[in-house]
Amino acid sequence: MILKVAGIAGRWIFILYLPVLLLSASIAWGFNSLWIYQYGFQKNNVSQTSGLPSEELEKVAKGMISYFNSGGEYVQITVTKDGVPFELFAFEEQIHLKDVKHLVWLDYRILIISFIFVLSYSVISIVWHRGVYRRQWVRNIIWGSSLSLGLILVAGIAVLIDFNWLWLQFHLLSFSNDFWFAEGYMIRLFGGFWYDAILIVVAFMAGLAILQFITSLTYLRLSRSLCE
């Protein structure tokens, strides 16, 4: 009885953890994707609004990625404009980016925890249990992928309806200060950046979920054909 209850609980936790794993992995990918930074800077004409050439913007993108993955407390990025080097972010902006870094590292922790559970459950289902348990594990992936796609659909509709309101609420809930509104290069660089970045990350997550869904469904159909 206890093993049965544990099995049911493990199954549902696995299904619920799959969207968490996909989301945290997609966010981690987004913050570490040089292409996303470069795409956002180019689309929003940041070179014109900031006065920084493309080479300096690439330095900024690489510096941000390095900072989010470092042990440094505050971001230190020096750029050159009109032949004059200067520190890019003011202290208030550095404080906000420190707060953002805390959220990035929280995402990393969630990613590690969800990955360990999903991997452990998968290994047990594939190696320890076999046959019907393995097929049930694949069905669980289908359920988890479907849940992920459903959540993506709801989030996508919400973003398209009123992204600005959602973005404001996120900042009010996530940060204990208003330095996220500090005037300086941070606003010039990332003012219109996050909308596109979020859509790209959501699309990346959707791609992972669809890949999981199709692969799992194909496996079930092939295994059923072999049994027949």
C-alpha atoms as a PDB file:
ATOM      1  CA  MET A   1       0.000   0.000   0.000  1.00  0.00           C
ATOM      2  CA  ILE A   2       2.772   2.411   0.957  1.00  0.00           C
ATOM      3  CA  LEU A   3       4.701   1.603  -2.226  1.00  0.00           C
ATOM      4  CA  LYS A   4       1.572   2.159  -4.304  1.00  0.00           C
ATOM      5  CA  VAL A   5       0.923   5.558  -2.734  1.00  0.00           C
ATOM      6  CA  ALA A   6       4.600   6.486  -3.174  1.00  0.00           C
ATOM      7  CA  GLY A   7       4.429   5.433  -6.820  1.00  0.00           C
ATOM      8  CA  ILE A   8       1.341   7.568  -7.479  1.00  0.00           C
ATOM      9  CA  ALA A   9       2.864  10.540  -5.658  1.00  0.00           C
ATOM     10  CA  GLY A  10       6.139  10.151  -7.553  1.00  0.00           C
ATOM     11  CA  ARG A  11       4.279  10.005 -10.842  1.00  0.00           C
ATOM     12  CA  TRP A  12       2.399  13.249 -10.239  1.00  0.00           C
ATOM     13  CA  ILE A  13       5.443  15.035  -8.865  1.00  0.00           C
ATOM     14  CA  PHE A  14       7.319  13.963 -11.999  1.00  0.00           C
ATOM     15  CA  ILE A  15       4.540  15.322 -14.222  1.00  0.00           C
ATOM     16  CA  LEU A  16       4.502  18.632 -12.326  1.00  0.00           C
ATOM     17  CA  TYR A  17       8.295  18.891 -12.272  1.00  0.00           C
ATOM     18  CA  LEU A  18       8.638  18.551 -16.044  1.00  0.00           C
ATOM     19  CA  PRO A  19       7.258  22.055 -16.766  1.00  0.00           C
ATOM     20  CA  VAL A  20       9.440  23.404 -13.945  1.00  0.00           C
ATOM     21  CA  LEU A  21      12.489  21.740 -15.479  1.00  0.00           C
ATOM     22  CA  LEU A  22      11.704  23.012 -18.972  1.00  0.00           C
ATOM     23  CA  LEU A  23      11.009  26.547 -17.756  1.00  0.00           C
ATOM     24  CA  SER A  24      14.093  26.827 -15.548  1.00  0.00           C
ATOM     25  CA  ALA A  25      16.277  25.332 -18.297  1.00  0.00           C
ATOM     26  CA  SER A  26      14.856  27.768 -20.854  1.00  0.00           C
ATOM     27  CA  ILE A  27      15.419  30.754 -18.558  1.00  0.00           C
ATOM     28  CA  ALA A  28      18.990  29.630 -17.873  1.00  0.00           C
ATOM     29  CA  TRP A  29      19.571  29.267 -21.610  1.00  0.00           C
ATOM     30  CA  GLY A  30      18.131  32.730 -22.239  1.00  0.00           C
ATOM     31  CA  PHE A  31      20.378  34.470 -19.730  1.00  0.00           C
ATOM     32  CA  ASN A  32      23.421  32.708 -21.183  1.00  0.00           C
ATOM     33  CA  SER A  33      22.596  33.140 -24.873  1.00  0.00           C
ATOM     34  CA  LEU A  34      24.853  35.714 -26.511  1.00  0.00           C
ATOM     35  CA  TRP A  35      22.583  35.587 -29.553  1.00  0.00           C
ATOM     36  CA  ILE A  36      19.555  36.820 -27.566  1.00  0.00           C
ATOM     37  CA  TYR A  37      21.466  39.844 -26.296  1.00  0.00           C
ATOM     38  CA  GLN A  38      22.763  40.668 -29.763  1.00  0.00           C
ATOM     39  CA  TYR A  39      19.331  40.171 -31.334  1.00  0.00           C
ATOM     40  CA  GLY A  40      17.670  42.418 -28.753  1.00  0.00           C
ATOM     41  CA  PHE A  41      20.279  45.141 -29.120  1.00  0.00           C
ATOM     42  CA  GLN A  42      19.981  45.091 -32.902  1.00  0.00           C
ATOM     43  CA  LYS A  43      16.183  45.014 -33.014  1.00  0.00           C
ATOM     44  CA  ASN A  44      15.831  47.903 -30.569  1.00  0.00           C
ATOM     45  CA  ASN A  45      18.533  50.001 -32.283  1.00  0.00           C
ATOM     46  CA  VAL A  46      20.491  50.155 -29.032  1.00  0.00           C
ATOM     47  CA  SER A  47      23.616  51.242 -30.868  1.00  0.00           C
ATOM     48  CA  GLN A  48      21.830  54.473 -31.815  1.00  0.00           C
ATOM     49  CA  THR A  49      20.016  55.092 -28.525  1.00  0.00           C
ATOM     50  CA  SER A  50      23.099  54.396 -26.406  1.00  0.00           C
ATOM     51  CA  GLY A  51      25.762  55.711 -28.749  1.00  0.00           C
ATOM     52  CA  LEU A  52      27.782  52.528 -28.252  1.00  0.00           C
ATOM     53  CA  PRO A  53      29.186  50.744 -31.331  1.00  0.00           C
ATOM     54  CA  SER A  54      28.328  47.096 -31.964  1.00  0.00           C
ATOM     55  CA  GLU A  55      31.733  45.898 -30.702  1.00  0.00           C
ATOM     56  CA  GLU A  56      31.107  47.553 -27.334  1.00  0.00           C
ATOM     57  CA  LEU A  57      27.582  46.123 -27.175  1.00  0.00           C
ATOM     58  CA  GLU A  58      29.018  42.661 -27.725  1.00  0.00           C
ATOM     59  CA  LYS A  59      31.408  43.355 -24.855  1.00  0.00           C
ATOM     60  CA  VAL A  60      28.403  44.346 -22.723  1.00  0.00           C
ATOM     61  CA  ALA A  61      26.544  41.126 -23.589  1.00  0.00           C
ATOM     62  CA  LYS A  62      29.540  38.954 -22.769  1.00  0.00           C
ATOM     63  CA  GLY A  63      30.113  40.927 -19.583  1.00  0.00           C
ATOM     64  CA  MET A  64      26.512  40.380 -18.461  1.00  0.00           C
ATOM     65  CA  ILE A  65      26.721  36.638 -19.091  1.00  0.00           C
ATOM     66  CA  SER A  66      30.025  36.457 -17.234  1.00  0.00           C
ATOM     67  CA  TYR A  67      28.627  38.457 -14.306  1.00  0.00           C
ATOM     68  CA  PHE A  68      25.514  36.307 -13.908  1.00  0.00           C
ATOM     69  CA  ASN A  69      27.738  33.227 -13.671  1.00  0.00           C
ATOM     70  CA  SER A  70      30.427  34.705 -11.437  1.00  0.00           C
ATOM     71  CA  GLY A  71      30.816  35.106  -7.706  1.00  0.00           C
ATOM     72  CA  GLY A  72      31.181  38.877  -8.004  1.00  0.00           C
ATOM     73  CA  GLU A  73      28.723  40.984  -6.045  1.00  0.00           C
ATOM     74  CA  TYR A  74      28.388  43.909  -8.433  1.00  0.00           C
ATOM     75  CA  VAL A  75      28.696  44.064 -12.190  1.00  0.00           C
ATOM     76  CA  GLN A  76      31.745  45.901 -13.490  1.00  0.00           C
ATOM     77  CA  ILE A  77      31.695  46.575 -17.232  1.00  0.00           C
ATOM     78  CA  THR A  78      33.894  49.224 -18.809  1.00  0.00           C
ATOM     79  CA  VAL A  79      33.055  50.390 -22.324  1.00  0.00           C
ATOM     80  CA  THR A  80      34.506  52.976 -24.675  1.00  0.00           C
ATOM     81  CA  LYS A  81      32.446  55.731 -26.274  1.00  0.00           C
ATOM     82  CA  ASP A  82      34.009  58.319 -28.573  1.00  0.00           C
ATOM     83  CA  GLY A  83      37.415  57.081 -27.487  1.00  0.00           C
ATOM     84  CA  VAL A  84      36.695  57.590 -23.776  1.00  0.00           C
ATOM     85  CA  PRO A  85      36.453  54.535 -21.467  1.00  0.00           C
ATOM     86  CA  PHE A  86      33.921  54.656 -18.613  1.00  0.00           C
ATOM     87  CA  GLU A  87      32.032  52.438 -16.182  1.00  0.00           C
ATOM     88  CA  LEU A  88      28.756  51.492 -17.879  1.00  0.00           C
ATOM     89  CA  PHE A  89      26.352  51.145 -14.945  1.00  0.00           C
ATOM     90  CA  ALA A  90      25.714  53.572 -12.093  1.00  0.00           C
ATOM     91  CA  PHE A  91      25.632  52.217  -8.545  1.00  0.00           C
ATOM     92  CA  GLU A  92      21.801  52.074  -8.424  1.00  0.00           C
ATOM     93  CA  GLU A  93      21.835  50.028 -11.630  1.00  0.00           C
ATOM     94  CA  GLN A  94      24.479  47.736 -10.188  1.00  0.00           C
ATOM     95  CA  ILE A  95      22.266  47.122  -7.152  1.00  0.00           C
ATOM     96  CA  HIS A  96      19.356  46.171  -9.386  1.00  0.00           C
ATOM     97  CA  LEU A  97      21.491  43.847 -11.497  1.00  0.00           C
ATOM     98  CA  LYS A  98      22.692  42.250  -8.255  1.00  0.00           C
ATOM     99  CA  ASP A  99      19.021  41.575  -7.420  1.00  0.00           C
ATOM    100  CA  VAL A 100      18.507  40.144 -10.903  1.00  0.00           C
ATOM    101  CA  LYS A 101      21.530  37.909 -10.382  1.00  0.00           C
ATOM    102  CA  HIS A 102      19.923  36.509  -7.222  1.00  0.00           C
ATOM    103  CA  LEU A 103      16.886  35.532  -9.311  1.00  0.00           C
ATOM    104  CA  VAL A 104      19.125  33.947 -11.945  1.00  0.00           C
ATOM    105  CA  TRP A 105      20.865  31.854  -9.310  1.00  0.00           C
ATOM    106  CA  LEU A 106      17.496  30.922  -7.816  1.00  0.00           C
ATOM    107  CA  ASP A 107      16.550  29.662 -11.264  1.00  0.00           C
ATOM    108  CA  TYR A 108      19.788  27.646 -11.388  1.00  0.00           C
ATOM    109  CA  ARG A 109      18.931  26.011  -8.045  1.00  0.00           C
ATOM    110  CA  ILE A 110      15.415  25.174  -9.215  1.00  0.00           C
ATOM    111  CA  LEU A 111      16.890  23.748 -12.416  1.00  0.00           C
ATOM    112  CA  ILE A 112      19.304  21.513 -10.492  1.00  0.00           C
ATOM    113  CA  ILE A 113      16.639  20.256  -8.058  1.00  0.00           C
ATOM    114  CA  SER A 114      14.076  19.535 -10.776  1.00  0.00           C
ATOM    115  CA  PHE A 115      16.719  17.899 -12.983  1.00  0.00           C
ATOM    116  CA  ILE A 116      17.874  15.600 -10.162  1.00  0.00           C
ATOM    117  CA  PHE A 117      14.311  14.489  -9.414  1.00  0.00           C
ATOM    118  CA  VAL A 118      13.330  13.997 -13.066  1.00  0.00           C
ATOM    119  CA  LEU A 119      16.555  12.114 -13.768  1.00  0.00           C
ATOM    120  CA  SER A 120      16.206   9.913 -10.659  1.00  0.00           C
ATOM    121  CA  TYR A 121      12.592   9.052 -11.434  1.00  0.00           C
ATOM    122  CA  SER A 122      13.511   8.322 -15.060  1.00  0.00           C
ATOM    123  CA  VAL A 123      16.414   6.038 -14.124  1.00  0.00           C
ATOM    124  CA  ILE A 124      14.226   4.103 -11.696  1.00  0.00           C
ATOM    125  CA  SER A 125      11.484   3.755 -14.307  1.00  0.00           C
ATOM    126  CA  ILE A 126      13.872   2.630 -17.065  1.00  0.00           C
ATOM    127  CA  VAL A 127      16.380   0.482 -15.171  1.00  0.00           C
ATOM    128  CA  TRP A 128      14.719  -0.800 -12.020  1.00  0.00           C
ATOM    129  CA  HIS A 129      11.188  -1.164 -13.364  1.00  0.00           C
ATOM    130  CA  ARG A 130      10.655  -2.363 -16.908  1.00  0.00           C
ATOM    131  CA  GLY A 131       7.897  -3.147 -19.376  1.00  0.00           C
ATOM    132  CA  VAL A 132       4.670  -1.535 -18.226  1.00  0.00           C
ATOM    133  CA  TYR A 133       6.538   0.848 -15.896  1.00  0.00           C
ATOM    134  CA  ARG A 134       8.654   2.126 -18.753  1.00  0.00           C
ATOM    135  CA  ARG A 135       5.567   2.781 -20.876  1.00  0.00           C
ATOM    136  CA  GLN A 136       3.936   4.526 -17.926  1.00  0.00           C
ATOM    137  CA  TRP A 137       7.032   6.706 -17.603  1.00  0.00           C
ATOM    138  CA  VAL A 138       6.683   7.684 -21.269  1.00  0.00           C
ATOM    139  CA  ARG A 139       2.999   8.473 -20.697  1.00  0.00           C
ATOM    140  CA  ASN A 140       4.023  10.662 -17.775  1.00  0.00           C
ATOM    141  CA  ILE A 141       6.343  12.579 -20.103  1.00  0.00           C
ATOM    142  CA  ILE A 142       3.425  13.104 -22.481  1.00  0.00           C
ATOM    143  CA  TRP A 143       1.307  14.411 -19.601  1.00  0.00           C
ATOM    144  CA  GLY A 144       4.122  16.681 -18.426  1.00  0.00           C
ATOM    145  CA  SER A 145       4.739  17.975 -21.944  1.00  0.00           C
ATOM    146  CA  SER A 146       1.023  18.621 -22.434  1.00  0.00           C
ATOM    147  CA  LEU A 147       0.890  20.506 -19.131  1.00  0.00           C
ATOM    148  CA  SER A 148       3.905  22.555 -20.227  1.00  0.00           C
ATOM    149  CA  LEU A 149       2.256  23.467 -23.533  1.00  0.00           C
ATOM    150  CA  GLY A 150      -0.974  24.390 -21.754  1.00  0.00           C
ATOM    151  CA  LEU A 151       0.858  26.696 -19.356  1.00  0.00           C
ATOM    152  CA  ILE A 152       2.799  28.220 -22.251  1.00  0.00           C
ATOM    153  CA  LEU A 153      -0.466  28.934 -24.077  1.00  0.00           C
ATOM    154  CA  VAL A 154      -1.970  30.662 -21.035  1.00  0.00           C
ATOM    155  CA  ALA A 155       1.214  32.662 -20.398  1.00  0.00           C
ATOM    156  CA  GLY A 156       1.501  33.610 -24.063  1.00  0.00           C
ATOM    157  CA  ILE A 157      -2.057  34.931 -24.163  1.00  0.00           C
ATOM    158  CA  ALA A 158      -1.469  36.910 -20.956  1.00  0.00           C
ATOM    159  CA  VAL A 159       1.729  38.439 -22.345  1.00  0.00           C
ATOM    160  CA  LEU A 160       0.044  39.426 -25.605  1.00  0.00           C
ATOM    161  CA  ILE A 161      -2.918  40.981 -23.757  1.00  0.00           C
ATOM    162  CA  ASP A 162      -0.957  43.198 -21.364  1.00  0.00           C
ATOM    163  CA  PHE A 163       2.770  42.569 -21.098  1.00  0.00           C
ATOM    164  CA  ASN A 164       3.510  45.945 -19.511  1.00  0.00           C
ATOM    165  CA  TRP A 165       1.153  45.325 -16.577  1.00  0.00           C
ATOM    166  CA  LEU A 166       2.554  41.834 -15.995  1.00  0.00           C
ATOM    167  CA  TRP A 167       6.117  43.144 -16.199  1.00  0.00           C
ATOM    168  CA  LEU A 168       5.325  45.878 -13.671  1.00  0.00           C
ATOM    169  CA  GLN A 169       3.724  43.403 -11.248  1.00  0.00           C
ATOM    170  CA  PHE A 170       6.726  41.104 -11.584  1.00  0.00           C
ATOM    171  CA  HIS A 171       9.073  43.922 -10.591  1.00  0.00           C
ATOM    172  CA  LEU A 172       6.890  45.032  -7.685  1.00  0.00           C
ATOM    173  CA  LEU A 173       6.753  41.479  -6.331  1.00  0.00           C
ATOM    174  CA  SER A 174      10.369  40.505  -7.014  1.00  0.00           C
ATOM    175  CA  PHE A 175      12.324  43.564  -5.913  1.00  0.00           C
ATOM    176  CA  SER A 176      12.336  45.430  -2.611  1.00  0.00           C
ATOM    177  CA  ASN A 177      13.532  48.703  -4.171  1.00  0.00           C
ATOM    178  CA  ASP A 178      12.799  50.793  -7.244  1.00  0.00           C
ATOM    179  CA  PHE A 179      16.326  50.744  -8.671  1.00  0.00           C
ATOM    180  CA  TRP A 180      14.951  48.745 -11.607  1.00  0.00           C
ATOM    181  CA  PHE A 181      13.656  52.112 -12.807  1.00  0.00           C
ATOM    182  CA  ALA A 182      17.018  53.858 -12.439  1.00  0.00           C
ATOM    183  CA  GLU A 183      17.827  56.133 -15.359  1.00  0.00           C
ATOM    184  CA  GLY A 184      21.041  55.348 -17.156  1.00  0.00           C
ATOM    185  CA  TYR A 185      22.472  52.909 -19.632  1.00  0.00           C
ATOM    186  CA  MET A 186      20.496  49.991 -18.194  1.00  0.00           C
ATOM    187  CA  ILE A 187      17.244  51.483 -19.511  1.00  0.00           C
ATOM    188  CA  ARG A 188      18.843  52.352 -22.844  1.00  0.00           C
ATOM    189  CA  LEU A 189      20.205  48.844 -23.267  1.00  0.00           C
ATOM    190  CA  PHE A 190      17.276  46.812 -21.980  1.00  0.00           C
ATOM    191  CA  GLY A 191      14.237  49.102 -22.182  1.00  0.00           C
ATOM    192  CA  GLY A 192      12.606  47.196 -25.049  1.00  0.00           C
ATOM    193  CA  PHE A 193      14.717  44.079 -24.738  1.00  0.00           C
ATOM    194  CA  TRP A 194      12.767  41.887 -22.345  1.00  0.00           C
ATOM    195  CA  TYR A 195       9.541  41.518 -24.314  1.00  0.00           C
ATOM    196  CA  ASP A 196      11.344  39.878 -27.230  1.00  0.00           C
ATOM    197  CA  ALA A 197      13.657  37.926 -24.923  1.00  0.00           C
ATOM    198  CA  ILE A 198      10.708  36.447 -23.030  1.00  0.00           C
ATOM    199  CA  LEU A 199       8.947  35.460 -26.255  1.00  0.00           C
ATOM    200  CA  ILE A 200      12.123  33.738 -27.470  1.00  0.00           C
ATOM    201  CA  VAL A 201      12.560  31.874 -24.175  1.00  0.00           C
ATOM    202  CA  VAL A 202       8.902  30.797 -24.196  1.00  0.00           C
ATOM    203  CA  ALA A 203       9.264  29.610 -27.804  1.00  0.00           C
ATOM    204  CA  PHE A 204      12.393  27.672 -26.810  1.00  0.00           C
ATOM    205  CA  MET A 205      10.498  26.038 -23.946  1.00  0.00           C
ATOM    206  CA  ALA A 206       7.614  25.207 -26.280  1.00  0.00           C
ATOM    207  CA  GLY A 207      10.059  23.593 -28.702  1.00  0.00           C
ATOM    208  CA  LEU A 208      11.460  21.394 -25.931  1.00  0.00           C
ATOM    209  CA  ALA A 209       7.961  20.395 -24.813  1.00  0.00           C
ATOM    210  CA  ILE A 210       6.854  19.578 -28.371  1.00  0.00           C
ATOM    211  CA  LEU A 211      10.013  17.531 -28.930  1.00  0.00           C
ATOM    212  CA  GLN A 212       9.346  15.576 -25.741  1.00  0.00           C
ATOM    213  CA  PHE A 213       5.711  15.050 -26.686  1.00  0.00           C
ATOM    214  CA  ILE A 214       6.416  13.836 -30.227  1.00  0.00           C
ATOM    215  CA  THR A 215       9.311  11.585 -29.175  1.00  0.00           C
ATOM    216  CA  SER A 216       7.308   9.986 -26.371  1.00  0.00           C
ATOM    217  CA  LEU A 217       4.208   9.498 -28.505  1.00  0.00           C
ATOM    218  CA  THR A 218       6.308   7.925 -31.269  1.00  0.00           C
ATOM    219  CA  TYR A 219       7.903   5.537 -28.775  1.00  0.00           C
ATOM    220  CA  LEU A 220       4.505   4.426 -27.459  1.00  0.00           C
ATOM    221  CA  ARG A 221       3.179   3.768 -30.946  1.00  0.00           C
ATOM    222  CA  LEU A 222       6.291   1.838 -31.990  1.00  0.00           C
ATOM    223  CA  SER A 223       6.313  -0.259 -28.813  1.00  0.00           C
ATOM    224  CA  ARG A 224       2.610  -1.018 -29.268  1.00  0.00           C
ATOM    225  CA  SER A 225       3.234  -2.103 -32.863  1.00  0.00           C
ATOM    226  CA  LEU A 226       6.071  -4.401 -31.787  1.00  0.00           C
ATOM    227  CA  CYS A 227       3.889  -6.000 -29.115  1.00  0.00           C
ATOM    228  CA  GLU A 228       1.198  -6.701 -31.673  1.00  0.00           C
END
